[in-house]
Amino acid sequence: MSFSLFKKIISEREFKYVCSHLYHHGMSEHDVDEIRTIFETHLNDPHRFRGMDKKDVTSILDWMRENKNDHNLSSDQIDSLEAELYKYL
């Protein structure tokens, strides 16, 4: 059994990689910009560490699924985003 004393987080650099990979899933520039806007608060919060942990990512994805009227992303796009994000966690 192994464990780490450090939580795995998605850094700003890794999030940029995630966004670039979303184009391969057929997302438009507008879709990716919308994702960046949604996640920007968590990546740039000065009162926290730089990045997002699994709890942050899960919380945002849950919010996106529950509040589809607040963005233009489909369920399939959210699933693709989730798959890309979890590659880094």
C-alpha atoms as a PDB file:
ATOM      1  CA  MET A   1       0.000   0.000   0.000  1.00  0.00           C
ATOM      2  CA  SER A   2       1.374   3.363  -0.937  1.00  0.00           C
ATOM      3  CA  PHE A   3       0.238   6.862  -0.261  1.00  0.00           C
ATOM      4  CA  SER A   4       1.505  10.361  -0.687  1.00  0.00           C
ATOM      5  CA  LEU A   5       1.696  13.125   1.846  1.00  0.00           C
ATOM      6  CA  PHE A   6       0.874  15.554  -0.941  1.00  0.00           C
ATOM      7  CA  LYS A   7      -2.474  15.849  -2.664  1.00  0.00           C
ATOM      8  CA  LYS A   8      -2.290  15.603  -6.424  1.00  0.00           C
ATOM      9  CA  ILE A   9      -3.432  18.844  -7.982  1.00  0.00           C
ATOM     10  CA  ILE A  10      -3.973  20.081 -11.495  1.00  0.00           C
ATOM     11  CA  SER A  11      -1.682  23.051 -12.025  1.00  0.00           C
ATOM     12  CA  GLU A  12      -2.361  25.952 -14.367  1.00  0.00           C
ATOM     13  CA  ARG A  13       0.064  24.408 -16.870  1.00  0.00           C
ATOM     14  CA  GLU A  14      -1.697  21.040 -16.733  1.00  0.00           C
ATOM     15  CA  PHE A  15      -5.064  22.745 -17.130  1.00  0.00           C
ATOM     16  CA  LYS A  16      -3.754  24.390 -20.327  1.00  0.00           C
ATOM     17  CA  TYR A  17      -2.848  20.905 -21.605  1.00  0.00           C
ATOM     18  CA  VAL A  18      -6.357  19.700 -20.748  1.00  0.00           C
ATOM     19  CA  CYS A  19      -7.878  22.602 -22.686  1.00  0.00           C
ATOM     20  CA  SER A  20      -5.707  21.938 -25.731  1.00  0.00           C
ATOM     21  CA  HIS A  21      -6.768  18.266 -25.723  1.00  0.00           C
ATOM     22  CA  LEU A  22     -10.451  19.230 -25.676  1.00  0.00           C
ATOM     23  CA  TYR A  23     -10.191  20.353 -29.309  1.00  0.00           C
ATOM     24  CA  HIS A  24      -9.505  16.688 -30.172  1.00  0.00           C
ATOM     25  CA  HIS A  25     -12.904  15.907 -28.645  1.00  0.00           C
ATOM     26  CA  GLY A  26     -14.557  18.266 -31.142  1.00  0.00           C
ATOM     27  CA  MET A  27     -14.981  21.254 -28.845  1.00  0.00           C
ATOM     28  CA  SER A  28     -14.938  24.727 -30.312  1.00  0.00           C
ATOM     29  CA  GLU A  29     -12.901  27.716 -29.163  1.00  0.00           C
ATOM     30  CA  HIS A  30     -16.083  29.077 -27.553  1.00  0.00           C
ATOM     31  CA  ASP A  31     -16.601  25.831 -25.601  1.00  0.00           C
ATOM     32  CA  VAL A  32     -13.026  25.807 -24.321  1.00  0.00           C
ATOM     33  CA  ASP A  33     -13.203  29.498 -23.391  1.00  0.00           C
ATOM     34  CA  GLU A  34     -16.343  28.791 -21.389  1.00  0.00           C
ATOM     35  CA  ILE A  35     -14.577  25.961 -19.553  1.00  0.00           C
ATOM     36  CA  ARG A  36     -11.622  28.235 -18.810  1.00  0.00           C
ATOM     37  CA  THR A  37     -13.990  30.833 -17.364  1.00  0.00           C
ATOM     38  CA  ILE A  38     -15.712  28.289 -15.128  1.00  0.00           C
ATOM     39  CA  PHE A  39     -12.437  26.873 -13.787  1.00  0.00           C
ATOM     40  CA  GLU A  40     -10.511  30.166 -13.605  1.00  0.00           C
ATOM     41  CA  THR A  41     -11.705  31.029 -10.090  1.00  0.00           C
ATOM     42  CA  HIS A  42     -10.291  27.812  -8.649  1.00  0.00           C
ATOM     43  CA  LEU A  43      -6.988  28.121 -10.468  1.00  0.00           C
ATOM     44  CA  ASN A  44      -6.335  31.723  -9.457  1.00  0.00           C
ATOM     45  CA  ASP A  45      -7.706  31.958  -5.915  1.00  0.00           C
ATOM     46  CA  PRO A  46      -5.009  33.823  -3.930  1.00  0.00           C
ATOM     47  CA  HIS A  47      -6.185  32.301  -0.639  1.00  0.00           C
ATOM     48  CA  ARG A  48      -5.502  28.727  -1.738  1.00  0.00           C
ATOM     49  CA  PHE A  49      -2.764  26.655  -3.279  1.00  0.00           C
ATOM     50  CA  ARG A  50      -2.241  27.122  -6.990  1.00  0.00           C
ATOM     51  CA  GLY A  51      -4.311  24.486  -8.713  1.00  0.00           C
ATOM     52  CA  MET A  52      -7.254  22.165  -8.221  1.00  0.00           C
ATOM     53  CA  ASP A  53      -7.451  18.910  -6.326  1.00  0.00           C
ATOM     54  CA  LYS A  54      -9.869  16.045  -6.974  1.00  0.00           C
ATOM     55  CA  LYS A  55     -12.468  17.527  -4.621  1.00  0.00           C
ATOM     56  CA  ASP A  56     -12.418  20.846  -6.527  1.00  0.00           C
ATOM     57  CA  VAL A  57     -12.709  19.140  -9.898  1.00  0.00           C
ATOM     58  CA  THR A  58     -15.571  16.907  -8.757  1.00  0.00           C
ATOM     59  CA  SER A  59     -17.410  19.869  -7.258  1.00  0.00           C
ATOM     60  CA  ILE A  60     -17.127  21.928 -10.451  1.00  0.00           C
ATOM     61  CA  LEU A  61     -18.169  19.041 -12.695  1.00  0.00           C
ATOM     62  CA  ASP A  62     -21.167  18.319 -10.446  1.00  0.00           C
ATOM     63  CA  TRP A  63     -22.141  21.990 -10.612  1.00  0.00           C
ATOM     64  CA  MET A  64     -21.863  21.927 -14.413  1.00  0.00           C
ATOM     65  CA  ARG A  65     -24.109  18.863 -14.620  1.00  0.00           C
ATOM     66  CA  GLU A  66     -26.703  20.327 -12.250  1.00  0.00           C
ATOM     67  CA  ASN A  67     -26.751  23.829 -13.785  1.00  0.00           C
ATOM     68  CA  LYS A  68     -26.898  23.280 -17.525  1.00  0.00           C
ATOM     69  CA  ASN A  69     -28.803  26.539 -17.995  1.00  0.00           C
ATOM     70  CA  ASP A  70     -25.738  28.480 -16.779  1.00  0.00           C
ATOM     71  CA  HIS A  71     -23.451  27.302 -19.605  1.00  0.00           C
ATOM     72  CA  ASN A  72     -23.659  25.897 -23.132  1.00  0.00           C
ATOM     73  CA  LEU A  73     -21.826  22.606 -22.674  1.00  0.00           C
ATOM     74  CA  SER A  74     -23.505  19.274 -23.367  1.00  0.00           C
ATOM     75  CA  SER A  75     -23.354  16.206 -21.135  1.00  0.00           C
ATOM     76  CA  ASP A  76     -20.960  14.563 -23.620  1.00  0.00           C
ATOM     77  CA  GLN A  77     -18.658  17.592 -23.503  1.00  0.00           C
ATOM     78  CA  ILE A  78     -18.655  17.537 -19.699  1.00  0.00           C
ATOM     79  CA  ASP A  79     -17.832  13.816 -19.801  1.00  0.00           C
ATOM     80  CA  SER A  80     -14.921  14.516 -22.178  1.00  0.00           C
ATOM     81  CA  LEU A  81     -13.694  17.293 -19.912  1.00  0.00           C
ATOM     82  CA  GLU A  82     -13.900  14.974 -16.907  1.00  0.00           C
ATOM     83  CA  ALA A  83     -11.881  12.281 -18.692  1.00  0.00           C
ATOM     84  CA  GLU A  84      -9.133  14.761 -19.585  1.00  0.00           C
ATOM     85  CA  LEU A  85      -9.001  16.273 -16.081  1.00  0.00           C
ATOM     86  CA  TYR A  86      -8.783  12.904 -14.336  1.00  0.00           C
ATOM     87  CA  LYS A  87      -5.694  12.013 -16.399  1.00  0.00           C
ATOM     88  CA  TYR A  88      -3.853  14.491 -14.163  1.00  0.00           C
ATOM     89  CA  LEU A  89      -5.299  13.435 -10.808  1.00  0.00           C
END
